[in-house]
Amino acid sequence: GSMSVMALVVPLLLVPPLALKWSYEKMVRGLEDKAGLAQEALLECQDTLAGVENDLKREKMARALSDGQLAGAKQTAEDKSDEREQLLAALRDMKAKGEAEVGKA
C-alpha cells in the first residue's frame, strides 16, 4: 500500500507550482460548478414543492367549495321537500274543506 502512496506523491512534488495552481483552480471551479448545479437543483425542487403546495391548496379550496355546494344543494332539496309537504298539507286541507262543503249541501 505504501508504494502506491509514494507513486502518487512523487509526481505531485515534480509538478511545477504553476501547473499545480492551475489544476487546483480547475478543481475549485469544478466544485463551484457542482455547487451551482446543486443550488439550481435545489431551487427547482423548491419550485416543484411550491407548485405541489399550490395545487394542494387549490384542491382543498375546490373540495371546500364542493362541500359547500353539496351542503347548499342538500339544504335546497330539504327546503323543496318542506315546501312540497306544506303544499300537500294545504291541498289536503282544501280537499277536506271541499268535502265538508259537499257534505253540508
Protein backbone atom coordinates (compact mmCIF):
# COMPACT_ATOMS: atom_id res chain seq x y z
CA GLY A 1 0.00 0.00 0.00
CA SER A 2 2.82 2.45 0.88
CA MET A 3 4.32 2.10 -2.57
CA SER A 4 1.19 3.41 -4.35
CA VAL A 5 1.06 6.40 -1.98
CA MET A 6 4.62 7.28 -2.94
CA ALA A 7 3.74 6.83 -6.62
CA LEU A 8 1.00 9.45 -6.15
CA VAL A 9 3.01 11.90 -4.05
CA VAL A 10 6.24 11.98 -6.08
CA PRO A 11 4.68 13.26 -9.34
CA LEU A 12 2.89 15.97 -7.33
CA LEU A 13 6.25 17.15 -6.00
CA LEU A 14 7.64 17.21 -9.55
CA VAL A 15 4.72 19.18 -10.99
CA PRO A 16 5.66 22.84 -11.34
CA PRO A 17 3.80 25.10 -8.86
CA LEU A 18 2.05 26.91 -11.73
CA ALA A 19 0.52 23.69 -13.06
CA LEU A 20 -0.42 22.76 -9.50
CA LYS A 21 -2.10 26.14 -9.06
CA TRP A 22 -3.89 25.68 -12.38
CA SER A 23 -5.17 22.19 -11.52
CA TYR A 24 -6.20 23.44 -8.07
CA GLU A 25 -8.12 26.34 -9.65
CA LYS A 26 -9.69 23.91 -12.09
CA MET A 27 -10.72 21.70 -9.18
CA VAL A 28 -12.18 24.68 -7.31
CA ARG A 29 -14.03 25.77 -10.46
CA GLY A 30 -15.36 22.23 -10.83
CA LEU A 31 -16.57 22.30 -7.25
CA GLU A 32 -18.15 25.71 -7.75
CA ASP A 33 -19.91 24.39 -10.87
CA LYS A 34 -21.15 21.41 -8.89
CA ALA A 35 -22.31 23.72 -6.10
CA GLY A 36 -24.06 25.90 -8.68
CA LEU A 37 -25.79 22.86 -10.18
CA ALA A 38 -26.77 21.68 -6.72
CA GLN A 39 -28.17 25.14 -5.98
CA GLU A 40 -30.15 25.09 -9.26
CA ALA A 41 -31.46 21.61 -8.47
CA LEU A 42 -32.47 22.81 -5.00
CA LEU A 43 -34.30 25.83 -6.45
CA GLU A 44 -36.02 23.54 -8.94
CA CYS A 45 -37.10 21.24 -6.10
CA GLN A 46 -38.41 24.23 -4.15
CA ASP A 47 -40.34 25.41 -7.23
CA THR A 48 -41.82 21.95 -7.68
CA LEU A 49 -42.68 21.80 -4.00
CA ALA A 50 -44.29 25.25 -4.15
CA GLY A 51 -46.25 24.11 -7.21
CA VAL A 52 -47.43 20.98 -5.43
CA GLU A 53 -48.40 23.02 -2.36
CA ASN A 54 -50.35 25.44 -4.57
CA ASP A 55 -52.10 22.51 -6.26
CA LEU A 56 -52.97 21.10 -2.84
CA LYS A 57 -54.30 24.49 -1.71
CA ARG A 58 -56.37 24.74 -4.88
CA GLU A 59 -57.66 21.18 -4.36
CA LYS A 60 -58.52 21.96 -0.74
CA MET A 61 -60.33 25.12 -1.82
CA ALA A 62 -62.16 23.20 -4.54
CA ARG A 63 -63.07 20.49 -2.05
CA ALA A 64 -64.27 23.07 0.47
CA LEU A 65 -66.25 24.70 -2.33
CA SER A 66 -67.81 21.40 -3.44
CA ASP A 67 -68.54 20.54 0.21
CA GLY A 68 -70.24 23.93 0.49
CA GLN A 69 -72.14 23.34 -2.74
CA LEU A 70 -73.17 19.88 -1.55
CA ALA A 71 -74.38 21.32 1.74
CA GLY A 72 -76.21 24.05 -0.19
CA ALA A 73 -77.79 21.54 -2.58
CA LYS A 74 -78.84 19.36 0.34
CA GLN A 75 -80.37 22.37 2.08
CA THR A 76 -82.19 23.35 -1.13
CA ALA A 77 -83.51 19.80 -1.52
CA GLU A 78 -84.70 19.87 2.11
CA ASP A 79 -86.35 23.26 1.58
CA LYS A 80 -88.05 21.96 -1.56
CA SER A 81 -89.38 18.87 0.22
CA ASP A 82 -90.60 21.11 3.08
CA GLU A 83 -92.41 23.26 0.52
CA ARG A 84 -93.93 20.14 -1.04
CA GLU A 85 -95.09 18.93 2.37
CA GLN A 86 -96.72 22.33 3.02
CA LEU A 87 -98.42 22.27 -0.40
CA LEU A 88 -99.70 18.74 0.19
CA ALA A 89 -100.98 19.76 3.63
CA ALA A 90 -102.75 22.78 2.10
CA LEU A 91 -104.25 20.60 -0.64
CA ARG A 92 -105.44 18.05 1.93
CA ASP A 93 -106.93 20.96 3.89
CA MET A 94 -108.75 22.28 0.80
CA LYS A 95 -109.94 18.78 -0.08
CA ALA A 96 -111.24 18.25 3.45
CA LYS A 97 -112.97 21.66 3.39
CA GLY A 98 -114.45 20.90 -0.04
CA GLU A 99 -115.73 17.54 1.14
CA ALA A 100 -117.18 19.23 4.22
CA GLU A 101 -118.93 21.76 1.99
CA VAL A 102 -120.28 18.94 -0.21
CA GLY A 103 -121.32 17.07 2.94
CA LYS A 104 -123.25 20.16 4.15
CA ALA A 105 -125.07 20.57 0.87
